[in-house]
Amino acid sequence: MMSALILAGGQGRRMGGVDKGLVELDGKPLVAWVRAALDAQGLTFERVFVSANRHAERYAAWGDAVLPDVWPDQPGPLAGMHAGLAACRTPQLLVVPCDVPSLPADLAVRLAAAVTQGGASAAYASSAGRAHPTVCLLSTTLLPGLDARLAQGQRRVFDWLRAIDAVEVDFAAPSFVNLNTPEDVAAWPALPR
């Protein structure tokens, strides 16, 4: 059994400062696309959390709980992961960003298998030679170490994953297309409905 976390707590600088998870793609907010991709994983998540620092009332429609950062000044995705791990009551937490509307249907299963086979506490996705550190599966045992890392001012997700010897799992391209700018959203092809 695992839980899931949608990271939507960023400042959306490249999106012009808007709340990225609420940006519409084909008539639905990005967070709705990501929630649908989680629902298509073929697993029952105990809980689906949304990490958000704005518009909690709107994000509540796509998660069982909306989690703001407990660390000040929005220090990035690691703070969202920290909030998710702190709230998680299952052994593992699947983490995905709000700006990747299409996820492989076997994402959770493959990351979990890699953790088990590698005897690791975390696994992250890659595709076409590019790491996607915010698409990962984390053991809840990682919370104390992550807390210490944030206290030291360290903010880079990939550096943390390397430090804990996370396993890399390669997926076929293009599996993780990030929509970071209004231009990215405009260029996204119509998705199957």
C-alpha atoms as a PDB file:
ATOM      1  CA  MET A   1       0.000   0.000   0.000  1.00  0.00           C
ATOM      2  CA  MET A   2       1.237   3.473  -0.848  1.00  0.00           C
ATOM      3  CA  SER A   3       0.028   7.047  -0.870  1.00  0.00           C
ATOM      4  CA  ALA A   4       0.586   9.683  -3.552  1.00  0.00           C
ATOM      5  CA  LEU A   5       1.550  13.355  -3.574  1.00  0.00           C
ATOM      6  CA  ILE A   6       1.007  15.904  -6.341  1.00  0.00           C
ATOM      7  CA  LEU A   7       3.533  18.742  -6.071  1.00  0.00           C
ATOM      8  CA  ALA A   8       1.707  22.026  -6.749  1.00  0.00           C
ATOM      9  CA  GLY A   9       3.307  24.307  -4.180  1.00  0.00           C
ATOM     10  CA  GLY A  10       5.713  26.225  -6.398  1.00  0.00           C
ATOM     11  CA  GLN A  11       5.736  29.887  -7.276  1.00  0.00           C
ATOM     12  CA  GLY A  12       5.176  29.302 -10.998  1.00  0.00           C
ATOM     13  CA  ARG A  13       7.840  31.819 -12.047  1.00  0.00           C
ATOM     14  CA  ARG A  14       8.239  30.424 -15.568  1.00  0.00           C
ATOM     15  CA  MET A  15       4.444  30.411 -15.890  1.00  0.00           C
ATOM     16  CA  GLY A  16       4.302  34.135 -15.104  1.00  0.00           C
ATOM     17  CA  GLY A  17       3.718  33.716 -11.369  1.00  0.00           C
ATOM     18  CA  VAL A  18       0.362  31.975 -11.702  1.00  0.00           C
ATOM     19  CA  ASP A  19      -0.512  28.862  -9.738  1.00  0.00           C
ATOM     20  CA  LYS A  20       0.725  26.297 -12.252  1.00  0.00           C
ATOM     21  CA  GLY A  21      -1.451  23.394 -11.163  1.00  0.00           C
ATOM     22  CA  LEU A  22      -4.560  25.450 -11.907  1.00  0.00           C
ATOM     23  CA  VAL A  23      -3.482  26.451 -15.426  1.00  0.00           C
ATOM     24  CA  GLU A  24      -5.973  24.979 -17.884  1.00  0.00           C
ATOM     25  CA  LEU A  25      -5.019  22.444 -20.514  1.00  0.00           C
ATOM     26  CA  ASP A  26      -7.769  21.397 -22.895  1.00  0.00           C
ATOM     27  CA  GLY A  27     -10.405  22.765 -20.512  1.00  0.00           C
ATOM     28  CA  LYS A  28      -9.100  21.136 -17.312  1.00  0.00           C
ATOM     29  CA  PRO A  29      -6.505  22.338 -14.798  1.00  0.00           C
ATOM     30  CA  LEU A  30      -3.144  20.591 -14.947  1.00  0.00           C
ATOM     31  CA  VAL A  31      -3.705  19.104 -11.485  1.00  0.00           C
ATOM     32  CA  ALA A  32      -6.825  17.329 -12.809  1.00  0.00           C
ATOM     33  CA  TRP A  33      -4.767  15.708 -15.589  1.00  0.00           C
ATOM     34  CA  VAL A  34      -2.217  14.511 -13.048  1.00  0.00           C
ATOM     35  CA  ARG A  35      -4.898  13.174 -10.695  1.00  0.00           C
ATOM     36  CA  ALA A  36      -6.430  11.250 -13.635  1.00  0.00           C
ATOM     37  CA  ALA A  37      -2.985   9.820 -14.456  1.00  0.00           C
ATOM     38  CA  LEU A  38      -2.642   8.675 -10.826  1.00  0.00           C
ATOM     39  CA  ASP A  39      -6.098   7.097 -10.937  1.00  0.00           C
ATOM     40  CA  ALA A  40      -4.993   5.182 -14.066  1.00  0.00           C
ATOM     41  CA  GLN A  41      -2.078   3.532 -12.230  1.00  0.00           C
ATOM     42  CA  GLY A  42      -4.119   0.430 -11.474  1.00  0.00           C
ATOM     43  CA  LEU A  43      -3.425   0.835  -7.740  1.00  0.00           C
ATOM     44  CA  THR A  44      -5.535   2.046  -4.881  1.00  0.00           C
ATOM     45  CA  PHE A  45      -3.658   4.795  -3.073  1.00  0.00           C
ATOM     46  CA  GLU A  46      -4.524   5.044   0.597  1.00  0.00           C
ATOM     47  CA  ARG A  47      -4.545   8.824   0.236  1.00  0.00           C
ATOM     48  CA  VAL A  48      -3.684  11.312  -2.479  1.00  0.00           C
ATOM     49  CA  PHE A  49      -2.210  14.536  -1.147  1.00  0.00           C
ATOM     50  CA  VAL A  50      -1.700  17.838  -2.953  1.00  0.00           C
ATOM     51  CA  SER A  51       1.228  19.979  -1.882  1.00  0.00           C
ATOM     52  CA  ALA A  52       0.021  23.565  -2.369  1.00  0.00           C
ATOM     53  CA  ASN A  53       0.817  26.916  -0.827  1.00  0.00           C
ATOM     54  CA  ARG A  54      -2.001  28.808  -2.537  1.00  0.00           C
ATOM     55  CA  HIS A  55      -5.649  28.097  -3.385  1.00  0.00           C
ATOM     56  CA  ALA A  56      -6.019  25.164  -0.987  1.00  0.00           C
ATOM     57  CA  GLU A  57      -9.785  25.279  -1.347  1.00  0.00           C
ATOM     58  CA  ARG A  58      -9.525  24.684  -5.099  1.00  0.00           C
ATOM     59  CA  TYR A  59      -6.892  21.952  -4.820  1.00  0.00           C
ATOM     60  CA  ALA A  60      -9.080  20.078  -2.320  1.00  0.00           C
ATOM     61  CA  ALA A  61     -11.114  18.784  -5.293  1.00  0.00           C
ATOM     62  CA  TRP A  62      -8.134  16.655  -6.424  1.00  0.00           C
ATOM     63  CA  GLY A  63      -6.741  15.361  -3.152  1.00  0.00           C
ATOM     64  CA  ASP A  64      -7.737  13.866   0.155  1.00  0.00           C
ATOM     65  CA  ALA A  65      -5.733  16.592   1.904  1.00  0.00           C
ATOM     66  CA  VAL A  66      -3.944  19.762   0.811  1.00  0.00           C
ATOM     67  CA  LEU A  67      -0.559  20.198   2.460  1.00  0.00           C
ATOM     68  CA  PRO A  68       1.207  23.568   2.670  1.00  0.00           C
ATOM     69  CA  ASP A  69       4.972  23.717   3.204  1.00  0.00           C
ATOM     70  CA  VAL A  70       6.038  23.796   6.831  1.00  0.00           C
ATOM     71  CA  TRP A  71       9.348  25.344   5.761  1.00  0.00           C
ATOM     72  CA  PRO A  72       9.260  29.134   5.197  1.00  0.00           C
ATOM     73  CA  ASP A  73       9.870  30.958   1.923  1.00  0.00           C
ATOM     74  CA  GLN A  74       8.727  28.115  -0.357  1.00  0.00           C
ATOM     75  CA  PRO A  75      12.095  26.364  -0.618  1.00  0.00           C
ATOM     76  CA  GLY A  76      10.987  24.185  -3.526  1.00  0.00           C
ATOM     77  CA  PRO A  77       9.876  20.615  -4.209  1.00  0.00           C
ATOM     78  CA  LEU A  78      11.843  19.130  -1.309  1.00  0.00           C
ATOM     79  CA  ALA A  79       9.612  21.084   1.077  1.00  0.00           C
ATOM     80  CA  GLY A  80       6.534  19.631  -0.607  1.00  0.00           C
ATOM     81  CA  MET A  81       8.012  16.144  -0.349  1.00  0.00           C
ATOM     82  CA  HIS A  82       8.735  16.817   3.322  1.00  0.00           C
ATOM     83  CA  ALA A  83       5.082  17.765   3.939  1.00  0.00           C
ATOM     84  CA  GLY A  84       3.935  14.661   2.069  1.00  0.00           C
ATOM     85  CA  LEU A  85       6.224  12.316   3.992  1.00  0.00           C
ATOM     86  CA  ALA A  86       5.127  13.876   7.284  1.00  0.00           C
ATOM     87  CA  ALA A  87       1.442  13.288   6.451  1.00  0.00           C
ATOM     88  CA  CYS A  88       1.916   9.847   4.881  1.00  0.00           C
ATOM     89  CA  ARG A  89       0.753   6.828   6.900  1.00  0.00           C
ATOM     90  CA  THR A  90       1.807   4.178   4.383  1.00  0.00           C
ATOM     91  CA  PRO A  91       5.365   2.849   3.960  1.00  0.00           C
ATOM     92  CA  GLN A  92       5.813   4.580   0.585  1.00  0.00           C
ATOM     93  CA  LEU A  93       4.852   7.848  -1.082  1.00  0.00           C
ATOM     94  CA  LEU A  94       4.647   8.267  -4.864  1.00  0.00           C
ATOM     95  CA  VAL A  95       5.525  11.858  -5.811  1.00  0.00           C
ATOM     96  CA  VAL A  96       4.597  13.533  -9.103  1.00  0.00           C
ATOM     97  CA  PRO A  97       4.654  17.191 -10.194  1.00  0.00           C
ATOM     98  CA  CYS A  98       1.506  19.045 -11.235  1.00  0.00           C
ATOM     99  CA  ASP A  99       2.982  20.045 -14.609  1.00  0.00           C
ATOM    100  CA  VAL A 100       3.328  16.570 -16.160  1.00  0.00           C
ATOM    101  CA  PRO A 101      -0.184  15.818 -17.463  1.00  0.00           C
ATOM    102  CA  SER A 102       0.653  12.393 -18.867  1.00  0.00           C
ATOM    103  CA  LEU A 103       2.345   9.692 -16.789  1.00  0.00           C
ATOM    104  CA  PRO A 104       3.137   6.098 -17.728  1.00  0.00           C
ATOM    105  CA  ALA A 105       0.380   3.771 -16.498  1.00  0.00           C
ATOM    106  CA  ASP A 106       3.012   1.521 -14.900  1.00  0.00           C
ATOM    107  CA  LEU A 107       4.884   4.335 -13.115  1.00  0.00           C
ATOM    108  CA  ALA A 108       4.063   3.335  -9.529  1.00  0.00           C
ATOM    109  CA  VAL A 109       4.516  -0.399 -10.135  1.00  0.00           C
ATOM    110  CA  ARG A 110       7.912   0.004 -11.814  1.00  0.00           C
ATOM    111  CA  LEU A 111       9.263   2.431  -9.216  1.00  0.00           C
ATOM    112  CA  ALA A 112       8.095   0.125  -6.408  1.00  0.00           C
ATOM    113  CA  ALA A 113       9.719  -2.888  -8.085  1.00  0.00           C
ATOM    114  CA  ALA A 114      13.001  -0.983  -8.437  1.00  0.00           C
ATOM    115  CA  VAL A 115      12.971  -0.057  -4.744  1.00  0.00           C
ATOM    116  CA  THR A 116      12.336  -3.678  -3.755  1.00  0.00           C
ATOM    117  CA  GLN A 117      14.890  -5.180  -6.153  1.00  0.00           C
ATOM    118  CA  GLY A 118      17.552  -2.600  -5.341  1.00  0.00           C
ATOM    119  CA  GLY A 119      16.995  -2.672  -1.584  1.00  0.00           C
ATOM    120  CA  ALA A 120      16.694   1.118  -1.821  1.00  0.00           C
ATOM    121  CA  SER A 121      14.638   3.674   0.066  1.00  0.00           C
ATOM    122  CA  ALA A 122      13.787   5.656  -3.092  1.00  0.00           C
ATOM    123  CA  ALA A 123      13.554   5.442  -6.868  1.00  0.00           C
ATOM    124  CA  TYR A 124      13.149   8.162  -9.469  1.00  0.00           C
ATOM    125  CA  ALA A 125      12.173   8.233 -13.128  1.00  0.00           C
ATOM    126  CA  SER A 126      14.274   9.056 -16.153  1.00  0.00           C
ATOM    127  CA  SER A 127      13.526   9.117 -19.859  1.00  0.00           C
ATOM    128  CA  ALA A 128      15.631   9.705 -22.959  1.00  0.00           C
ATOM    129  CA  GLY A 129      18.753  10.206 -20.848  1.00  0.00           C
ATOM    130  CA  ARG A 130      17.145  12.874 -18.655  1.00  0.00           C
ATOM    131  CA  ALA A 131      16.423  12.432 -14.955  1.00  0.00           C
ATOM    132  CA  HIS A 132      13.041  13.482 -13.577  1.00  0.00           C
ATOM    133  CA  PRO A 133      13.752  13.688  -9.855  1.00  0.00           C
ATOM    134  CA  THR A 134      10.312  15.038  -8.898  1.00  0.00           C
ATOM    135  CA  VAL A 135       8.782  11.832 -10.264  1.00  0.00           C
ATOM    136  CA  CYS A 136       9.803   9.443  -7.525  1.00  0.00           C
ATOM    137  CA  LEU A 137       8.828   6.901  -4.923  1.00  0.00           C
ATOM    138  CA  LEU A 138      10.005   7.579  -1.386  1.00  0.00           C
ATOM    139  CA  SER A 139      10.092   5.523   1.794  1.00  0.00           C
ATOM    140  CA  THR A 140       8.594   7.335   4.749  1.00  0.00           C
ATOM    141  CA  THR A 141      11.740   6.409   6.684  1.00  0.00           C
ATOM    142  CA  LEU A 142      13.468   9.205   4.754  1.00  0.00           C
ATOM    143  CA  LEU A 143      11.638  11.992   6.623  1.00  0.00           C
ATOM    144  CA  PRO A 144      14.202  12.649   9.407  1.00  0.00           C
ATOM    145  CA  GLY A 145      17.090  12.864   6.943  1.00  0.00           C
ATOM    146  CA  LEU A 146      15.118  15.161   4.642  1.00  0.00           C
ATOM    147  CA  ASP A 147      14.240  17.355   7.599  1.00  0.00           C
ATOM    148  CA  ALA A 148      17.941  17.678   8.442  1.00  0.00           C
ATOM    149  CA  ARG A 149      18.814  18.416   4.811  1.00  0.00           C
ATOM    150  CA  LEU A 150      16.282  21.239   4.610  1.00  0.00           C
ATOM    151  CA  ALA A 151      17.540  22.610   7.928  1.00  0.00           C
ATOM    152  CA  GLN A 152      21.013  22.826   6.342  1.00  0.00           C
ATOM    153  CA  GLY A 153      19.573  24.925   3.504  1.00  0.00           C
ATOM    154  CA  GLN A 154      19.934  22.247   0.837  1.00  0.00           C
ATOM    155  CA  ARG A 155      17.185  22.445  -1.779  1.00  0.00           C
ATOM    156  CA  ARG A 156      18.108  20.364  -4.843  1.00  0.00           C
ATOM    157  CA  VAL A 157      15.961  17.251  -5.222  1.00  0.00           C
ATOM    158  CA  PHE A 158      18.415  15.399  -7.458  1.00  0.00           C
ATOM    159  CA  ASP A 159      21.333  16.012  -5.075  1.00  0.00           C
ATOM    160  CA  TRP A 160      19.275  14.538  -2.243  1.00  0.00           C
ATOM    161  CA  LEU A 161      18.252  11.502  -4.299  1.00  0.00           C
ATOM    162  CA  ARG A 162      21.879  10.832  -5.191  1.00  0.00           C
ATOM    163  CA  ALA A 163      22.917  11.231  -1.548  1.00  0.00           C
ATOM    164  CA  ILE A 164      20.434   8.538  -0.469  1.00  0.00           C
ATOM    165  CA  ASP A 165      21.418   6.208  -3.360  1.00  0.00           C
ATOM    166  CA  ALA A 166      18.013   6.334  -5.039  1.00  0.00           C
ATOM    167  CA  VAL A 167      17.535   3.900  -7.926  1.00  0.00           C
ATOM    168  CA  GLU A 168      17.025   5.324 -11.417  1.00  0.00           C
ATOM    169  CA  VAL A 169      14.227   3.765 -13.496  1.00  0.00           C
ATOM    170  CA  ASP A 170      14.243   4.452 -17.233  1.00  0.00           C
ATOM    171  CA  PHE A 171      10.944   4.901 -19.072  1.00  0.00           C
ATOM    172  CA  ALA A 172      10.294   5.134 -22.797  1.00  0.00           C
ATOM    173  CA  ALA A 173      10.391   8.615 -24.288  1.00  0.00           C
ATOM    174  CA  PRO A 174       8.532  10.911 -24.178  1.00  0.00           C
ATOM    175  CA  SER A 175       7.119   9.926 -20.804  1.00  0.00           C
ATOM    176  CA  PHE A 176       7.498  13.064 -18.721  1.00  0.00           C
ATOM    177  CA  VAL A 177       6.808  16.224 -20.698  1.00  0.00           C
ATOM    178  CA  ASN A 178       6.826  19.190 -18.288  1.00  0.00           C
ATOM    179  CA  LEU A 179       4.595  22.132 -19.089  1.00  0.00           C
ATOM    180  CA  ASN A 180       6.590  24.922 -17.460  1.00  0.00           C
ATOM    181  CA  THR A 181       5.608  27.951 -19.546  1.00  0.00           C
ATOM    182  CA  PRO A 182       2.474  29.290 -21.274  1.00  0.00           C
ATOM    183  CA  GLU A 183       4.177  28.387 -24.562  1.00  0.00           C
ATOM    184  CA  ASP A 184       4.552  24.765 -23.425  1.00  0.00           C
ATOM    185  CA  VAL A 185       0.838  24.622 -22.607  1.00  0.00           C
ATOM    186  CA  ALA A 186      -0.117  26.157 -25.966  1.00  0.00           C
ATOM    187  CA  ALA A 187       2.078  23.695 -27.837  1.00  0.00           C
ATOM    188  CA  TRP A 188       0.759  20.590 -26.059  1.00  0.00           C
ATOM    189  CA  PRO A 189      -1.182  18.384 -28.465  1.00  0.00           C
ATOM    190  CA  ALA A 190      -4.772  17.512 -27.672  1.00  0.00           C
ATOM    191  CA  LEU A 191      -4.794  14.641 -25.197  1.00  0.00           C
ATOM    192  CA  PRO A 192      -7.064  11.594 -25.445  1.00  0.00           C
ATOM    193  CA  ARG A 193     -10.238  12.031 -23.421  1.00  0.00           C
END
